[in-house]
Protein backbone atom coordinates (compact mmCIF):
# COMPACT_ATOMS: atom_id res chain seq x y z
CA MET A 1 75.46 92.60 80.31
CA GLN A 2 74.70 94.60 83.45
CA LEU A 3 77.27 92.64 85.46
CA ALA A 4 79.85 93.09 82.70
CA ASN A 5 79.23 96.85 82.61
CA PHE A 6 79.41 97.01 86.40
CA ARG A 7 82.80 95.28 86.27
CA GLY A 8 84.13 97.74 83.68
CA TRP A 9 83.59 95.79 80.45
CA ARG A 10 82.46 97.44 77.21
CA VAL A 11 79.77 95.25 75.68
CA HIS A 12 78.39 94.93 72.15
CA HIS A 13 75.20 92.93 71.65
CA THR A 14 73.11 92.69 68.51
CA ARG A 15 69.52 91.91 69.41
CA THR A 16 67.34 89.53 67.45
CA VAL A 17 63.93 90.55 66.19
CA GLN A 18 60.81 88.47 65.90
CA VAL A 19 58.64 88.44 62.81
CA GLY A 20 55.72 86.12 63.30
CA LYS A 21 57.15 82.93 64.78
CA ASN A 22 60.62 83.48 63.35
CA HIS A 23 63.61 85.17 65.03
CA PHE A 24 66.47 86.70 63.11
CA THR A 25 69.28 89.22 63.51
CA PRO A 26 69.15 91.98 60.90
CA VAL A 27 72.87 92.37 60.15
CA VAL A 28 75.01 92.21 57.04
CA GLY A 29 77.74 89.60 56.93
CA ASP A 30 78.24 85.90 57.47
CA ARG A 31 75.56 84.17 59.50
CA GLY A 32 76.07 82.97 63.05
CA PHE A 33 78.21 85.70 64.60
CA VAL A 34 78.33 85.60 68.40
CA ASP A 35 75.83 87.36 70.67
CA LEU A 36 78.31 89.36 72.72
CA VAL A 37 81.70 90.96 72.20
CA MET A 38 83.11 92.24 75.48
CA VAL A 39 86.35 94.17 76.02
CA HIS A 40 88.05 95.14 79.28
CA PRO A 41 91.31 97.12 79.44
CA ALA A 42 92.85 94.72 81.98
CA TYR A 43 90.94 91.49 81.31
CA GLY A 44 91.01 91.16 77.53
CA CYS A 45 88.40 90.51 74.86
CA ILE A 46 85.74 87.81 74.94
CA PHE A 47 83.40 86.54 72.23
CA VAL A 48 80.31 84.87 73.73
CA GLU A 49 77.40 82.91 72.32
CA LEU A 50 74.47 82.93 74.74
CA LYS A 51 72.15 79.95 74.95
CA THR A 52 69.38 78.72 77.18
CA ASP A 53 70.16 75.52 79.08
CA ARG A 54 68.59 73.56 76.21
CA GLY A 55 69.60 75.88 73.35
CA ARG A 56 71.48 74.42 70.41
CA VAL A 57 74.55 76.03 68.88
CA SER A 58 74.01 76.17 65.11
CA GLN A 59 76.67 75.08 62.63
CA HIS A 60 77.10 78.73 61.55
CA GLN A 61 77.78 79.65 65.18
CA VAL A 62 80.21 76.74 65.62
CA ASP A 63 82.06 77.91 62.51
CA TRP A 64 82.46 81.45 63.94
CA LEU A 65 83.50 80.19 67.39
CA ASP A 66 86.06 77.80 65.88
CA LEU A 67 87.53 80.48 63.60
CA LEU A 68 87.77 83.03 66.41
CA GLU A 69 89.43 80.49 68.69
CA LYS A 70 91.89 79.43 65.97
CA THR A 71 92.99 83.05 65.63
CA GLY A 72 93.72 83.28 69.37
CA MET A 73 90.49 84.83 70.59
CA GLU A 74 88.79 83.77 73.81
CA VAL A 75 85.38 82.26 73.07
CA HIS A 76 82.59 80.87 75.24
CA VAL A 77 79.13 79.42 74.98
CA TRP A 78 77.44 80.58 78.17
CA ARG A 79 74.20 79.23 79.58
CA PRO A 80 72.32 80.13 82.79
CA GLN A 81 73.85 77.04 84.44
CA ASN A 82 77.32 78.62 83.91
CA TRP A 83 76.59 81.64 86.14
CA ASP A 84 79.45 80.93 88.59
CA GLU A 85 81.94 80.60 85.71
CA ILE A 86 80.58 83.78 84.10
CA THR A 87 80.85 85.88 87.25
CA ALA A 88 84.37 84.58 87.92
CA ARG A 89 85.55 85.35 84.37
CA LEU A 90 84.13 88.86 84.40
CA ALA A 91 86.05 89.55 87.61
CA SER A 92 89.52 88.56 86.41
CA PRO A 93 91.71 87.91 83.37
CA PRO A 94 91.95 84.38 81.96
CA ALA A 95 94.94 82.30 82.94
CA ARG A 96 96.52 82.73 79.49
CA PHE A 97 95.99 86.51 79.27
CA GLU A 98 99.10 88.67 79.49
CA LEU A 99 99.03 92.43 79.82
CA PRO A 100 101.11 94.25 77.19
CA SER A 101 104.58 95.30 78.22
CA THR A 102 105.02 98.95 79.22
CA ASP A 103 108.62 99.07 77.90
């Protein structure tokens, strides 16, 4: 998130809370929404699920990622091992991104 902010991205992240041994995200809505929504005026909008190198993407998360992607959104599952990809993406628009016309 710090790198994204440094590169000019606006970032939304809903933090999980721990109660006993359980973790949950206290939000209203369908389960499994992504961890980060990031928007940059020149580089687009990204929906990101963050996982550890061994973390498993739940079916609820897969459902959200698939739906977002089907509607044309850029989605990622990022892990620490993806750091080079992450830093590259935060520094430039994706290949398919087109800036709106100024006509």
